[in-house]
Amino acid sequence: MGREWKMKDIGLLLLGTGALIVALVVAHWYFIEVLPRMHAETGVHAWCSVEGNTAFVRVSTDDEIHNVVVNIAGKQCKYDMMYPGTTQVCTADVNETTVFRISYERGGKKIEESDVCRYVSVAKPIPTAD
């Protein structure tokens, strides 16, 4: 005796097959398209903060870069070469917020960037009246 297929059984089979196909397409897209692009992003990352009267410029690199020069508040820090995975810190005495500039050579091209050093302060809660 064979079991009869009902419309509900056929619908569930088609729904399950469609869900499996969609899951395979999404998995393929994620592993083949998204993940390789995420790991391909390399470069130089610089950020700055002002704590008290001192500005800290941190420069990190994922590539080999040459002739790195950091200018901040009239002070210059120079590094002949930075290897992948390294970080350098340049400090300068400043008053509040200031601008820094970084220049370096990467892959035979000279690149210059600038940004603002922001003052870092401690967040304090505001008292509320009852």
N, C-alpha and C. Protein backbone atom coordinates (compact mmCIF):
# COMPACT_ATOMS: atom_id res chain seq x y z
N MET A 1 0.83 -1.18 0.00
CA MET A 1 0.00 0.00 0.00
C MET A 1 0.87 1.24 0.00
N GLY A 2 0.70 2.04 -0.95
CA GLY A 2 1.46 3.28 -1.03
C GLY A 2 0.70 4.43 -0.42
N ARG A 3 1.42 5.33 0.07
CA ARG A 3 0.81 6.50 0.69
C ARG A 3 0.43 7.49 -0.39
N GLU A 4 -0.69 8.09 -0.26
CA GLU A 4 -1.13 9.07 -1.25
C GLU A 4 -0.55 10.43 -0.91
N TRP A 5 -0.12 11.12 -1.94
CA TRP A 5 0.40 12.47 -1.76
C TRP A 5 -0.77 13.45 -1.75
N LYS A 6 -0.77 14.26 -0.71
CA LYS A 6 -1.81 15.27 -0.60
C LYS A 6 -1.20 16.60 -1.03
N MET A 7 -2.04 17.53 -1.30
CA MET A 7 -1.60 18.85 -1.74
C MET A 7 -0.72 19.49 -0.67
N LYS A 8 -1.03 19.28 0.61
CA LYS A 8 -0.24 19.85 1.71
C LYS A 8 1.18 19.28 1.69
N ASP A 9 1.33 18.00 1.44
CA ASP A 9 2.65 17.37 1.40
C ASP A 9 3.48 17.92 0.25
N ILE A 10 2.88 18.08 -0.89
CA ILE A 10 3.59 18.61 -2.06
C ILE A 10 4.02 20.06 -1.79
N GLY A 11 3.14 20.85 -1.17
CA GLY A 11 3.47 22.24 -0.85
C GLY A 11 4.63 22.34 0.13
N LEU A 12 4.63 21.49 1.15
CA LEU A 12 5.73 21.50 2.11
C LEU A 12 7.04 21.06 1.47
N LEU A 13 7.00 20.10 0.59
CA LEU A 13 8.20 19.65 -0.12
C LEU A 13 8.76 20.78 -0.98
N LEU A 14 7.90 21.47 -1.71
CA LEU A 14 8.36 22.59 -2.54
C LEU A 14 8.89 23.74 -1.69
N LEU A 15 8.24 24.03 -0.58
CA LEU A 15 8.68 25.09 0.31
C LEU A 15 10.06 24.77 0.92
N GLY A 16 10.24 23.54 1.36
CA GLY A 16 11.53 23.13 1.92
C GLY A 16 12.64 23.17 0.88
N THR A 17 12.35 22.73 -0.33
CA THR A 17 13.35 22.76 -1.41
C THR A 17 13.72 24.21 -1.75
N GLY A 18 12.74 25.10 -1.81
CA GLY A 18 13.02 26.52 -2.09
C GLY A 18 13.87 27.15 -0.99
N ALA A 19 13.57 26.84 0.27
CA ALA A 19 14.35 27.39 1.38
C ALA A 19 15.79 26.88 1.34
N LEU A 20 15.99 25.63 0.98
CA LEU A 20 17.34 25.08 0.86
C LEU A 20 18.12 25.77 -0.26
N ILE A 21 17.48 26.01 -1.38
CA ILE A 21 18.13 26.69 -2.50
C ILE A 21 18.52 28.12 -2.12
N VAL A 22 17.62 28.83 -1.46
CA VAL A 22 17.93 30.20 -1.02
C VAL A 22 19.10 30.18 -0.04
N ALA A 23 19.12 29.25 0.91
CA ALA A 23 20.22 29.16 1.88
C ALA A 23 21.54 28.89 1.19
N LEU A 24 21.55 28.04 0.17
CA LEU A 24 22.78 27.76 -0.56
C LEU A 24 23.27 28.97 -1.34
N VAL A 25 22.36 29.72 -1.94
CA VAL A 25 22.74 30.93 -2.68
C VAL A 25 23.33 31.97 -1.73
N VAL A 26 22.71 32.17 -0.58
CA VAL A 26 23.21 33.15 0.40
C VAL A 26 24.56 32.72 0.94
N ALA A 27 24.75 31.45 1.25
CA ALA A 27 26.04 30.95 1.74
C ALA A 27 27.12 31.14 0.69
N HIS A 28 26.82 30.86 -0.57
CA HIS A 28 27.79 31.05 -1.65
C HIS A 28 28.18 32.52 -1.77
N TRP A 29 27.19 33.40 -1.74
CA TRP A 29 27.46 34.84 -1.83
C TRP A 29 28.34 35.30 -0.68
N TYR A 30 28.04 34.86 0.54
CA TYR A 30 28.80 35.30 1.70
C TYR A 30 30.24 34.79 1.65
N PHE A 31 30.44 33.51 1.40
CA PHE A 31 31.78 32.94 1.45
C PHE A 31 32.62 33.26 0.23
N ILE A 32 32.02 33.45 -0.93
CA ILE A 32 32.77 33.71 -2.15
C ILE A 32 32.90 35.21 -2.44
N GLU A 33 31.91 36.00 -2.08
CA GLU A 33 31.94 37.43 -2.41
C GLU A 33 32.31 38.33 -1.23
N VAL A 34 31.67 38.15 -0.09
CA VAL A 34 31.82 39.08 1.03
C VAL A 34 33.12 38.86 1.80
N LEU A 35 33.38 37.66 2.27
CA LEU A 35 34.56 37.41 3.09
C LEU A 35 35.88 37.77 2.40
N PRO A 36 36.11 37.41 1.13
CA PRO A 36 37.38 37.82 0.51
C PRO A 36 37.55 39.33 0.44
N ARG A 37 36.48 40.08 0.25
CA ARG A 37 36.59 41.55 0.20
C ARG A 37 36.91 42.12 1.56
N MET A 38 36.35 41.52 2.62
CA MET A 38 36.62 42.02 3.97
C MET A 38 38.09 41.86 4.32
N HIS A 39 38.70 40.77 3.92
CA HIS A 39 40.10 40.54 4.26
C HIS A 39 41.05 41.24 3.30
N ALA A 40 40.55 41.77 2.20
CA ALA A 40 41.40 42.43 1.21
C ALA A 40 41.65 43.90 1.56
N GLU A 41 40.89 44.46 2.51
CA GLU A 41 41.05 45.86 2.87
C GLU A 41 42.33 46.05 3.67
N THR A 42 43.33 46.61 3.04
CA THR A 42 44.58 46.91 3.73
C THR A 42 44.86 48.38 3.57
N GLY A 43 45.79 48.86 4.34
CA GLY A 43 46.15 50.25 4.19
C GLY A 43 46.74 50.82 5.44
N VAL A 44 46.73 52.15 5.49
CA VAL A 44 47.28 52.88 6.61
C VAL A 44 46.13 53.52 7.38
N HIS A 45 46.14 53.37 8.68
CA HIS A 45 45.08 53.89 9.52
C HIS A 45 45.71 54.84 10.53
N ALA A 46 45.24 56.08 10.56
CA ALA A 46 45.75 57.06 11.51
C ALA A 46 44.59 57.66 12.28
N TRP A 47 44.75 57.80 13.57
CA TRP A 47 43.74 58.46 14.37
C TRP A 47 44.44 59.26 15.47
N CYS A 48 43.72 60.22 15.99
CA CYS A 48 44.32 61.15 16.93
C CYS A 48 43.33 61.51 18.02
N SER A 49 43.85 61.73 19.21
CA SER A 49 43.03 62.22 20.31
C SER A 49 43.88 63.16 21.16
N VAL A 50 43.20 64.08 21.82
CA VAL A 50 43.86 65.02 22.72
C VAL A 50 43.41 64.70 24.13
N GLU A 51 44.35 64.38 24.97
CA GLU A 51 44.07 64.07 26.37
C GLU A 51 44.89 65.03 27.22
N GLY A 52 44.20 65.84 27.97
CA GLY A 52 44.90 66.88 28.74
C GLY A 52 45.44 67.92 27.77
N ASN A 53 46.75 68.16 27.79
CA ASN A 53 47.39 69.08 26.85
C ASN A 53 48.29 68.34 25.88
N THR A 54 48.08 67.04 25.70
CA THR A 54 48.92 66.24 24.81
C THR A 54 48.07 65.59 23.72
N ALA A 55 48.53 65.73 22.49
CA ALA A 55 47.87 65.07 21.36
C ALA A 55 48.63 63.80 21.03
N PHE A 56 47.90 62.72 20.81
CA PHE A 56 48.48 61.43 20.45
C PHE A 56 48.01 61.06 19.05
N VAL A 57 48.95 60.91 18.11
CA VAL A 57 48.61 60.45 16.76
C VAL A 57 49.14 59.03 16.64
N ARG A 58 48.25 58.09 16.39
CA ARG A 58 48.63 56.68 16.24
C ARG A 58 48.51 56.32 14.76
N VAL A 59 49.58 55.76 14.21
CA VAL A 59 49.62 55.36 12.80
C VAL A 59 49.85 53.86 12.75
N SER A 60 48.92 53.12 12.14
CA SER A 60 49.04 51.67 11.95
C SER A 60 49.05 51.38 10.47
N THR A 61 49.71 50.30 10.09
CA THR A 61 49.75 49.94 8.68
C THR A 61 49.60 48.44 8.48
N ASP A 62 48.94 48.09 7.39
CA ASP A 62 48.82 46.69 6.98
C ASP A 62 49.75 46.40 5.81
N ASP A 63 50.38 47.44 5.29
CA ASP A 63 51.32 47.31 4.17
C ASP A 63 52.65 47.91 4.57
N GLU A 64 53.66 47.67 3.75
CA GLU A 64 54.96 48.30 3.97
C GLU A 64 54.91 49.72 3.41
N ILE A 65 55.21 50.70 4.25
CA ILE A 65 55.22 52.09 3.80
C ILE A 65 56.56 52.73 4.15
N HIS A 66 56.93 53.75 3.37
CA HIS A 66 58.23 54.41 3.52
C HIS A 66 58.04 55.90 3.74
N ASN A 67 59.08 56.53 4.29
CA ASN A 67 59.13 57.98 4.47
C ASN A 67 57.86 58.53 5.12
N VAL A 68 57.52 58.01 6.27
CA VAL A 68 56.32 58.44 6.98
C VAL A 68 56.66 59.70 7.77
N VAL A 69 55.86 60.74 7.57
CA VAL A 69 56.05 62.00 8.29
C VAL A 69 54.70 62.39 8.90
N VAL A 70 54.69 62.61 10.22
CA VAL A 70 53.49 63.05 10.93
C VAL A 70 53.73 64.46 11.43
N ASN A 71 52.89 65.41 11.03
CA ASN A 71 52.97 66.80 11.49
C ASN A 71 51.79 67.08 12.40
N ILE A 72 52.08 67.55 13.60
CA ILE A 72 51.02 67.92 14.52
C ILE A 72 51.50 69.07 15.40
N ALA A 73 50.77 70.16 15.33
CA ALA A 73 51.05 71.35 16.15
C ALA A 73 52.51 71.79 16.04
N GLY A 74 53.06 71.77 14.84
CA GLY A 74 54.44 72.21 14.63
C GLY A 74 55.50 71.17 14.94
N LYS A 75 55.12 70.04 15.47
CA LYS A 75 56.08 68.97 15.75
C LYS A 75 56.02 67.94 14.63
N GLN A 76 57.19 67.43 14.25
CA GLN A 76 57.27 66.44 13.18
C GLN A 76 57.86 65.15 13.72
N CYS A 77 57.23 64.04 13.40
CA CYS A 77 57.77 62.71 13.71
C CYS A 77 58.04 62.04 12.37
N LYS A 78 59.24 61.50 12.19
CA LYS A 78 59.62 60.84 10.93
C LYS A 78 59.99 59.39 11.19
N TYR A 79 59.52 58.54 10.28
CA TYR A 79 59.84 57.11 10.32
C TYR A 79 60.25 56.71 8.91
N ASP A 80 61.45 56.16 8.77
CA ASP A 80 61.95 55.77 7.44
C ASP A 80 61.09 54.67 6.82
N MET A 81 60.71 53.69 7.65
CA MET A 81 59.94 52.56 7.12
C MET A 81 59.06 52.00 8.23
N MET A 82 57.85 51.61 7.85
CA MET A 82 56.97 50.89 8.77
C MET A 82 56.57 49.57 8.10
N TYR A 83 56.70 48.50 8.85
CA TYR A 83 56.38 47.17 8.33
C TYR A 83 54.91 46.83 8.58
N PRO A 84 54.35 45.89 7.83
CA PRO A 84 52.95 45.50 8.04
C PRO A 84 52.71 45.05 9.48
N GLY A 85 51.62 45.53 10.04
CA GLY A 85 51.25 45.16 11.40
C GLY A 85 51.86 46.01 12.49
N THR A 86 52.60 47.06 12.13
CA THR A 86 53.23 47.91 13.14
C THR A 86 52.41 49.17 13.40
N THR A 87 52.66 49.76 14.57
CA THR A 87 51.99 51.00 14.97
C THR A 87 53.04 51.94 15.56
N GLN A 88 52.97 53.21 15.20
CA GLN A 88 53.83 54.24 15.76
C GLN A 88 52.95 55.31 16.40
N VAL A 89 53.47 55.95 17.44
CA VAL A 89 52.73 57.00 18.13
C VAL A 89 53.57 58.26 18.15
N CYS A 90 52.98 59.36 17.74
CA CYS A 90 53.63 60.67 17.76
C CYS A 90 52.85 61.54 18.74
N THR A 91 53.55 62.23 19.65
CA THR A 91 52.88 63.07 20.63
C THR A 91 53.34 64.52 20.48
N ALA A 92 52.49 65.45 20.87
CA ALA A 92 52.81 66.87 20.83
C ALA A 92 51.97 67.60 21.87
N ASP A 93 52.52 68.68 22.41
CA ASP A 93 51.77 69.52 23.34
C ASP A 93 50.87 70.45 22.55
N VAL A 94 49.60 70.46 22.89
CA VAL A 94 48.61 71.28 22.17
C VAL A 94 47.64 71.90 23.16
N ASN A 95 46.86 72.83 22.68
CA ASN A 95 45.76 73.41 23.45
C ASN A 95 44.45 72.99 22.78
N GLU A 96 43.73 72.09 23.42
CA GLU A 96 42.43 71.62 22.93
C GLU A 96 42.55 70.92 21.57
N THR A 97 41.61 71.22 20.65
CA THR A 97 41.52 70.53 19.37
C THR A 97 42.52 71.10 18.38
N THR A 98 43.13 70.25 17.56
CA THR A 98 44.11 70.68 16.56
C THR A 98 44.01 69.79 15.33
N VAL A 99 44.79 70.09 14.30
CA VAL A 99 44.80 69.33 13.05
C VAL A 99 46.14 68.63 12.92
N PHE A 100 46.12 67.40 12.40
CA PHE A 100 47.38 66.72 12.10
C PHE A 100 47.41 66.32 10.64
N ARG A 101 48.63 66.15 10.12
CA ARG A 101 48.82 65.74 8.73
C ARG A 101 49.82 64.60 8.70
N ILE A 102 49.55 63.61 7.86
CA ILE A 102 50.46 62.48 7.70
C ILE A 102 50.74 62.31 6.21
N SER A 103 52.00 62.06 5.88
CA SER A 103 52.38 61.77 4.49
C SER A 103 53.28 60.54 4.50
N TYR A 104 53.16 59.73 3.44
CA TYR A 104 53.95 58.51 3.34
C TYR A 104 53.97 58.06 1.89
N GLU A 105 54.87 57.12 1.59
CA GLU A 105 54.96 56.52 0.26
C GLU A 105 54.52 55.07 0.37
N ARG A 106 53.59 54.70 -0.49
CA ARG A 106 53.08 53.33 -0.52
C ARG A 106 52.96 52.89 -1.96
N GLY A 107 53.65 51.84 -2.31
CA GLY A 107 53.61 51.32 -3.68
C GLY A 107 54.12 52.32 -4.70
N GLY A 108 55.10 53.15 -4.33
CA GLY A 108 55.67 54.12 -5.25
C GLY A 108 54.88 55.41 -5.37
N LYS A 109 53.78 55.54 -4.65
CA LYS A 109 52.96 56.76 -4.69
C LYS A 109 53.08 57.50 -3.37
N LYS A 110 53.15 58.82 -3.46
CA LYS A 110 53.17 59.64 -2.25
C LYS A 110 51.72 59.99 -1.88
N ILE A 111 51.36 59.72 -0.63
CA ILE A 111 50.00 59.94 -0.16
C ILE A 111 50.05 60.88 1.04
N GLU A 112 49.14 61.85 1.04
CA GLU A 112 49.01 62.78 2.16
C GLU A 112 47.58 62.78 2.67
N GLU A 113 47.44 62.76 3.97
CA GLU A 113 46.13 62.78 4.60
C GLU A 113 46.16 63.75 5.76
N SER A 114 45.00 64.28 6.12
CA SER A 114 44.91 65.14 7.30
C SER A 114 43.58 64.90 7.99
N ASP A 115 43.56 65.22 9.28
CA ASP A 115 42.34 65.03 10.06
C ASP A 115 42.42 65.91 11.30
N VAL A 116 41.38 65.89 12.08
CA VAL A 116 41.28 66.72 13.28
C VAL A 116 41.52 65.85 14.51
N CYS A 117 42.33 66.36 15.43
CA CYS A 117 42.50 65.72 16.73
C CYS A 117 41.44 66.29 17.65
N ARG A 118 40.64 65.43 18.19
CA ARG A 118 39.55 65.88 19.04
C ARG A 118 39.90 65.72 20.52
N TYR A 119 39.42 66.62 21.29
CA TYR A 119 39.65 66.59 22.73
C TYR A 119 38.79 65.49 23.34
N VAL A 120 39.40 64.66 24.16
CA VAL A 120 38.69 63.57 24.82
C VAL A 120 38.41 64.00 26.25
N SER A 121 37.16 63.94 26.64
CA SER A 121 36.81 64.28 28.02
C SER A 121 35.96 63.18 28.61
N VAL A 122 35.87 63.17 29.91
CA VAL A 122 35.10 62.16 30.61
C VAL A 122 33.63 62.57 30.62
N ALA A 123 32.77 61.66 30.26
CA ALA A 123 31.33 61.94 30.27
C ALA A 123 30.83 61.85 31.71
N LYS A 124 30.13 62.89 32.13
CA LYS A 124 29.60 62.92 33.49
C LYS A 124 28.07 62.95 33.41
N PRO A 125 27.41 62.21 34.28
CA PRO A 125 25.94 62.22 34.25
C PRO A 125 25.39 63.55 34.70
N ILE A 126 24.27 63.92 34.15
CA ILE A 126 23.60 65.16 34.52
C ILE A 126 22.62 64.86 35.64
N PRO A 127 22.74 65.59 36.75
CA PRO A 127 21.79 65.33 37.85
C PRO A 127 20.40 65.79 37.45
N THR A 128 19.41 65.04 37.85
CA THR A 128 18.02 65.39 37.53
C THR A 128 17.30 65.77 38.81
N ALA A 129 16.37 66.68 38.68
CA ALA A 129 15.59 67.09 39.83
C ALA A 129 14.39 66.17 39.98
N ASP A 130 14.10 65.83 41.18
CA ASP A 130 12.94 64.95 41.43
C ASP A 130 11.67 65.72 41.45
